Amino acid sequence: MTLIIICYDDSNDKRKRIYSVSALGREQEIVGNEISDALSDIFYDGFSDVDSGKNAGKKVVVLS
């Protein structure tokens, strides 16, 4: 069994449990972030930033 999250008792307070991400969990987080970034790039590819006088100082997204 491969653990992604590790749980153990707090040495100062036995009522508390401490949770930590294992090395495998950190690897999966990195892969997940890379996939998310790639999908975001694909999704936002059709959009562009436009700054007109009417919306000066505001970020406006216009479908090109």
PDB file of N, CA and C in Angstrom:
ATOM      1  N   MET A   1       0.848  -1.179   0.000  1.00  0.00           N
ATOM      2  CA  MET A   1       0.000   0.000   0.000  1.00  0.00           C
ATOM      3  C   MET A   1       0.891   1.238   0.000  1.00  0.00           C
ATOM      4  N   THR A   2       0.641   2.150  -0.921  1.00  0.00           N
ATOM      5  CA  THR A   2       1.420   3.374  -1.023  1.00  0.00           C
ATOM      6  C   THR A   2       0.655   4.516  -0.370  1.00  0.00           C
ATOM      7  N   LEU A   3       1.324   5.213   0.530  1.00  0.00           N
ATOM      8  CA  LEU A   3       0.685   6.315   1.240  1.00  0.00           C
ATOM      9  C   LEU A   3       1.009   7.647   0.580  1.00  0.00           C
ATOM     10  N   ILE A   4      -0.018   8.463   0.421  1.00  0.00           N
ATOM     11  CA  ILE A   4       0.171   9.811  -0.101  1.00  0.00           C
ATOM     12  C   ILE A   4       0.207  10.795   1.059  1.00  0.00           C
ATOM     13  N   ILE A   5      -0.600  10.538   2.081  1.00  0.00           N
ATOM     14  CA  ILE A   5      -0.643  11.392   3.268  1.00  0.00           C
ATOM     15  C   ILE A   5      -0.220  10.561   4.468  1.00  0.00           C
ATOM     16  N   ILE A   6       0.667  11.125   5.280  1.00  0.00           N
ATOM     17  CA  ILE A   6       1.162  10.454   6.477  1.00  0.00           C
ATOM     18  C   ILE A   6       0.548  11.145   7.693  1.00  0.00           C
ATOM     19  N   CYS A   7       0.058  10.363   8.635  1.00  0.00           N
ATOM     20  CA  CYS A   7      -0.572  10.897   9.833  1.00  0.00           C
ATOM     21  C   CYS A   7       0.165  10.379  11.063  1.00  0.00           C
ATOM     22  N   TYR A   8       0.435  11.271  12.012  1.00  0.00           N
ATOM     23  CA  TYR A   8       1.080  10.844  13.247  1.00  0.00           C
ATOM     24  C   TYR A   8       0.650  11.742  14.396  1.00  0.00           C
ATOM     25  N   ASP A   9       0.882  11.279  15.638  1.00  0.00           N
ATOM     26  CA  ASP A   9       0.493  12.022  16.836  1.00  0.00           C
ATOM     27  C   ASP A   9       1.435  13.193  17.082  1.00  0.00           C
ATOM     28  N   ASP A  10       0.882  14.279  17.603  1.00  0.00           N
ATOM     29  CA  ASP A  10       1.685  15.431  18.016  1.00  0.00           C
ATOM     30  C   ASP A  10       2.411  15.053  19.305  1.00  0.00           C
ATOM     31  N   SER A  11       3.705  15.311  19.370  1.00  0.00           N
ATOM     32  CA  SER A  11       4.479  14.927  20.561  1.00  0.00           C
ATOM     33  C   SER A  11       4.134  15.788  21.772  1.00  0.00           C
ATOM     34  N   ASN A  12       3.607  16.993  21.562  1.00  0.00           N
ATOM     35  CA  ASN A  12       3.272  17.885  22.677  1.00  0.00           C
ATOM     36  C   ASN A  12       1.830  17.752  23.138  1.00  0.00           C
ATOM     37  N   ASP A  13       0.934  17.427  22.251  1.00  0.00           N
ATOM     38  CA  ASP A  13      -0.487  17.356  22.579  1.00  0.00           C
ATOM     39  C   ASP A  13      -1.067  16.092  21.945  1.00  0.00           C
ATOM     40  N   LYS A  14      -1.336  15.096  22.756  1.00  0.00           N
ATOM     41  CA  LYS A  14      -1.802  13.793  22.260  1.00  0.00           C
ATOM     42  C   LYS A  14      -3.202  13.858  21.646  1.00  0.00           C
ATOM     43  N   ARG A  15      -3.924  14.966  21.852  1.00  0.00           N
ATOM     44  CA  ARG A  15      -5.245  15.111  21.238  1.00  0.00           C
ATOM     45  C   ARG A  15      -5.137  15.472  19.765  1.00  0.00           C
ATOM     46  N   LYS A  16      -3.984  15.970  19.354  1.00  0.00           N
ATOM     47  CA  LYS A  16      -3.795  16.439  17.982  1.00  0.00           C
ATOM     48  C   LYS A  16      -3.161  15.367  17.113  1.00  0.00           C
ATOM     49  N   ARG A  17      -3.528  15.401  15.838  1.00  0.00           N
ATOM     50  CA  ARG A  17      -2.899  14.550  14.830  1.00  0.00           C
ATOM     51  C   ARG A  17      -2.233  15.472  13.817  1.00  0.00           C
ATOM     52  N   ILE A  18      -1.073  15.094  13.337  1.00  0.00           N
ATOM     53  CA  ILE A  18      -0.346  15.878  12.345  1.00  0.00           C
ATOM     54  C   ILE A  18      -0.372  15.111  11.029  1.00  0.00           C
ATOM     55  N   TYR A  19      -0.703  15.830   9.962  1.00  0.00           N
ATOM     56  CA  TYR A  19      -0.775  15.230   8.634  1.00  0.00           C
ATOM     57  C   TYR A  19       0.311  15.835   7.760  1.00  0.00           C
ATOM     58  N   SER A  20       0.959  15.003   6.986  1.00  0.00           N
ATOM     59  CA  SER A  20       2.042  15.433   6.108  1.00  0.00           C
ATOM     60  C   SER A  20       1.905  14.699   4.779  1.00  0.00           C
ATOM     61  N   VAL A  21       2.382  15.333   3.727  1.00  0.00           N
ATOM     62  CA  VAL A  21       2.336  14.720   2.400  1.00  0.00           C
ATOM     63  C   VAL A  21       3.614  13.914   2.188  1.00  0.00           C
ATOM     64  N   SER A  22       3.467  12.688   1.715  1.00  0.00           N
ATOM     65  CA  SER A  22       4.627  11.833   1.451  1.00  0.00           C
ATOM     66  C   SER A  22       5.333  12.291   0.174  1.00  0.00           C
ATOM     67  N   ALA A  23       6.475  11.699  -0.110  1.00  0.00           N
ATOM     68  CA  ALA A  23       7.221  12.031  -1.328  1.00  0.00           C
ATOM     69  C   ALA A  23       6.369  11.749  -2.568  1.00  0.00           C
ATOM     70  N   LEU A  24       5.629  10.647  -2.559  1.00  0.00           N
ATOM     71  CA  LEU A  24       4.747  10.322  -3.685  1.00  0.00           C
ATOM     72  C   LEU A  24       3.664  11.388  -3.838  1.00  0.00           C
ATOM     73  N   GLY A  25       3.125  11.840  -2.724  1.00  0.00           N
ATOM     74  CA  GLY A  25       2.113  12.897  -2.770  1.00  0.00           C
ATOM     75  C   GLY A  25       2.656  14.180  -3.361  1.00  0.00           C
ATOM     76  N   ARG A  26       3.890  14.544  -3.008  1.00  0.00           N
ATOM     77  CA  ARG A  26       4.515  15.749  -3.570  1.00  0.00           C
ATOM     78  C   ARG A  26       4.733  15.593  -5.075  1.00  0.00           C
ATOM     79  N   GLU A  27       5.144  14.399  -5.512  1.00  0.00           N
ATOM     80  CA  GLU A  27       5.326  14.148  -6.948  1.00  0.00           C
ATOM     81  C   GLU A  27       4.002  14.293  -7.696  1.00  0.00           C
ATOM     82  N   GLN A  28       2.933  13.767  -7.117  1.00  0.00           N
ATOM     83  CA  GLN A  28       1.628  13.856  -7.763  1.00  0.00           C
ATOM     84  C   GLN A  28       1.149  15.301  -7.820  1.00  0.00           C
ATOM     85  N   GLU A  29       1.473  16.091  -6.788  1.00  0.00           N
ATOM     86  CA  GLU A  29       1.107  17.505  -6.783  1.00  0.00           C
ATOM     87  C   GLU A  29       1.821  18.240  -7.920  1.00  0.00           C
ATOM     88  N   ILE A  30       3.099  17.948  -8.124  1.00  0.00           N
ATOM     89  CA  ILE A  30       3.874  18.583  -9.194  1.00  0.00           C
ATOM     90  C   ILE A  30       3.282  18.240 -10.557  1.00  0.00           C
ATOM     91  N   VAL A  31       2.967  16.965 -10.771  1.00  0.00           N
ATOM     92  CA  VAL A  31       2.379  16.533 -12.046  1.00  0.00           C
ATOM     93  C   VAL A  31       1.015  17.190 -12.246  1.00  0.00           C
ATOM     94  N   GLY A  32       0.222  17.231 -11.197  1.00  0.00           N
ATOM     95  CA  GLY A  32      -1.098  17.864 -11.282  1.00  0.00           C
ATOM     96  C   GLY A  32      -1.008  19.335 -11.641  1.00  0.00           C
ATOM     97  N   ASN A  33      -0.042  20.040 -11.056  1.00  0.00           N
ATOM     98  CA  ASN A  33       0.143  21.458 -11.370  1.00  0.00           C
ATOM     99  C   ASN A  33       0.579  21.656 -12.813  1.00  0.00           C
ATOM    100  N   GLU A  34       1.452  20.785 -13.316  1.00  0.00           N
ATOM    101  CA  GLU A  34       1.898  20.881 -14.712  1.00  0.00           C
ATOM    102  C   GLU A  34       0.731  20.660 -15.674  1.00  0.00           C
ATOM    103  N   ILE A  35      -0.112  19.684 -15.376  1.00  0.00           N
ATOM    104  CA  ILE A  35      -1.278  19.409 -16.218  1.00  0.00           C
ATOM    105  C   ILE A  35      -2.244  20.587 -16.174  1.00  0.00           C
ATOM    106  N   SER A  36      -2.474  21.132 -14.989  1.00  0.00           N
ATOM    107  CA  SER A  36      -3.365  22.277 -14.838  1.00  0.00           C
ATOM    108  C   SER A  36      -2.865  23.477 -15.633  1.00  0.00           C
ATOM    109  N   ASP A  37      -1.566  23.747 -15.567  1.00  0.00           N
ATOM    110  CA  ASP A  37      -0.985  24.862 -16.324  1.00  0.00           C
ATOM    111  C   ASP A  37      -1.147  24.653 -17.829  1.00  0.00           C
ATOM    112  N   ALA A  38      -0.911  23.430 -18.293  1.00  0.00           N
ATOM    113  CA  ALA A  38      -1.039  23.135 -19.722  1.00  0.00           C
ATOM    114  C   ALA A  38      -2.484  23.317 -20.186  1.00  0.00           C
ATOM    115  N   LEU A  39      -3.443  22.839 -19.397  1.00  0.00           N
ATOM    116  CA  LEU A  39      -4.850  22.991 -19.766  1.00  0.00           C
ATOM    117  C   LEU A  39      -5.277  24.454 -19.725  1.00  0.00           C
ATOM    118  N   SER A  40      -4.760  25.224 -18.773  1.00  0.00           N
ATOM    119  CA  SER A  40      -5.063  26.657 -18.709  1.00  0.00           C
ATOM    120  C   SER A  40      -4.549  27.370 -19.950  1.00  0.00           C
ATOM    121  N   ASP A  41      -3.341  27.016 -20.385  1.00  0.00           N
ATOM    122  CA  ASP A  41      -2.776  27.623 -21.597  1.00  0.00           C
ATOM    123  C   ASP A  41      -3.662  27.346 -22.807  1.00  0.00           C
ATOM    124  N   ILE A  42      -4.167  26.126 -22.920  1.00  0.00           N
ATOM    125  CA  ILE A  42      -5.045  25.765 -24.033  1.00  0.00           C
ATOM    126  C   ILE A  42      -6.359  26.543 -23.941  1.00  0.00           C
ATOM    127  N   PHE A  43      -6.947  26.603 -22.744  1.00  0.00           N
ATOM    128  CA  PHE A  43      -8.236  27.268 -22.561  1.00  0.00           C
ATOM    129  C   PHE A  43      -8.147  28.762 -22.852  1.00  0.00           C
ATOM    130  N   TYR A  44      -7.129  29.433 -22.318  1.00  0.00           N
ATOM    131  CA  TYR A  44      -7.025  30.886 -22.447  1.00  0.00           C
ATOM    132  C   TYR A  44      -6.349  31.334 -23.736  1.00  0.00           C
ATOM    133  N   ASP A  45      -6.009  30.408 -24.625  1.00  0.00           N
ATOM    134  CA  ASP A  45      -5.328  30.737 -25.873  1.00  0.00           C
ATOM    135  C   ASP A  45      -6.148  31.683 -26.747  1.00  0.00           C
ATOM    136  N   GLY A  46      -7.461  31.589 -26.723  1.00  0.00           N
ATOM    137  CA  GLY A  46      -8.320  32.421 -27.556  1.00  0.00           C
ATOM    138  C   GLY A  46      -8.626  33.779 -26.972  1.00  0.00           C
ATOM    139  N   PHE A  47      -8.106  34.111 -25.812  1.00  0.00           N
ATOM    140  CA  PHE A  47      -8.374  35.378 -25.154  1.00  0.00           C
ATOM    141  C   PHE A  47      -7.163  36.299 -25.262  1.00  0.00           C
ATOM    142  N   SER A  48      -7.421  37.602 -25.236  1.00  0.00           N
ATOM    143  CA  SER A  48      -6.321  38.566 -25.209  1.00  0.00           C
ATOM    144  C   SER A  48      -6.674  39.692 -24.251  1.00  0.00           C
ATOM    145  N   ASP A  49      -5.661  40.378 -23.741  1.00  0.00           N
ATOM    146  CA  ASP A  49      -5.867  41.509 -22.839  1.00  0.00           C
ATOM    147  C   ASP A  49      -5.994  42.786 -23.666  1.00  0.00           C
ATOM    148  N   VAL A  50      -7.015  43.597 -23.378  1.00  0.00           N
ATOM    149  CA  VAL A  50      -7.219  44.850 -24.085  1.00  0.00           C
ATOM    150  C   VAL A  50      -7.410  45.947 -23.049  1.00  0.00           C
ATOM    151  N   ASP A  51      -6.723  47.066 -23.237  1.00  0.00           N
ATOM    152  CA  ASP A  51      -6.877  48.204 -22.342  1.00  0.00           C
ATOM    153  C   ASP A  51      -7.347  49.385 -23.176  1.00  0.00           C
ATOM    154  N   SER A  52      -8.641  49.699 -23.091  1.00  0.00           N
ATOM    155  CA  SER A  52      -9.189  50.827 -23.845  1.00  0.00           C
ATOM    156  C   SER A  52      -9.385  52.003 -22.903  1.00  0.00           C
ATOM    157  N   GLY A  53      -9.690  53.185 -23.466  1.00  0.00           N
ATOM    158  CA  GLY A  53      -9.904  54.375 -22.648  1.00  0.00           C
ATOM    159  C   GLY A  53     -11.053  54.198 -21.675  1.00  0.00           C
ATOM    160  N   LYS A  54     -12.100  53.497 -22.098  1.00  0.00           N
ATOM    161  CA  LYS A  54     -13.273  53.280 -21.252  1.00  0.00           C
ATOM    162  C   LYS A  54     -12.920  52.453 -20.021  1.00  0.00           C
ATOM    163  N   ASN A  55     -12.018  51.516 -20.179  1.00  0.00           N
ATOM    164  CA  ASN A  55     -11.654  50.616 -19.083  1.00  0.00           C
ATOM    165  C   ASN A  55     -10.202  50.818 -18.646  1.00  0.00           C
ATOM    166  N   ALA A  56      -9.719  52.047 -18.712  1.00  0.00           N
ATOM    167  CA  ALA A  56      -8.325  52.326 -18.362  1.00  0.00           C
ATOM    168  C   ALA A  56      -8.025  51.846 -16.948  1.00  0.00           C
ATOM    169  N   GLY A  57      -6.937  51.119 -16.817  1.00  0.00           N
ATOM    170  CA  GLY A  57      -6.526  50.624 -15.505  1.00  0.00           C
ATOM    171  C   GLY A  57      -7.171  49.313 -15.111  1.00  0.00           C
ATOM    172  N   LYS A  58      -8.185  48.880 -15.854  1.00  0.00           N
ATOM    173  CA  LYS A  58      -8.856  47.617 -15.556  1.00  0.00           C
ATOM    174  C   LYS A  58      -8.408  46.579 -16.568  1.00  0.00           C
ATOM    175  N   LYS A  59      -8.330  45.354 -16.137  1.00  0.00           N
ATOM    176  CA  LYS A  59      -7.971  44.273 -17.048  1.00  0.00           C
ATOM    177  C   LYS A  59      -9.249  43.754 -17.703  1.00  0.00           C
ATOM    178  N   VAL A  60      -9.277  43.826 -19.019  1.00  0.00           N
ATOM    179  CA  VAL A  60     -10.440  43.382 -19.775  1.00  0.00           C
ATOM    180  C   VAL A  60     -10.013  42.229 -20.663  1.00  0.00           C
ATOM    181  N   VAL A  61     -10.790  41.169 -20.673  1.00  0.00           N
ATOM    182  CA  VAL A  61     -10.495  40.022 -21.517  1.00  0.00           C
ATOM    183  C   VAL A  61     -11.488  40.021 -22.672  1.00  0.00           C
ATOM    184  N   VAL A  62     -10.961  40.015 -23.900  1.00  0.00           N
ATOM    185  CA  VAL A  62     -11.793  40.042 -25.096  1.00  0.00           C
ATOM    186  C   VAL A  62     -11.497  38.802 -25.918  1.00  0.00           C
ATOM    187  N   LEU A  63     -12.550  38.133 -26.361  1.00  0.00           N
ATOM    188  CA  LEU A  63     -12.389  36.960 -27.220  1.00  0.00           C
ATOM    189  C   LEU A  63     -11.976  37.423 -28.606  1.00  0.00           C
ATOM    190  N   SER A  64     -10.842  36.914 -29.094  1.00  0.00           N
ATOM    191  CA  SER A  64     -10.343  37.356 -30.405  1.00  0.00           C
ATOM    192  C   SER A  64     -10.802  36.454 -31.522  1.00  0.00           C
TER     193      SER A  64
END
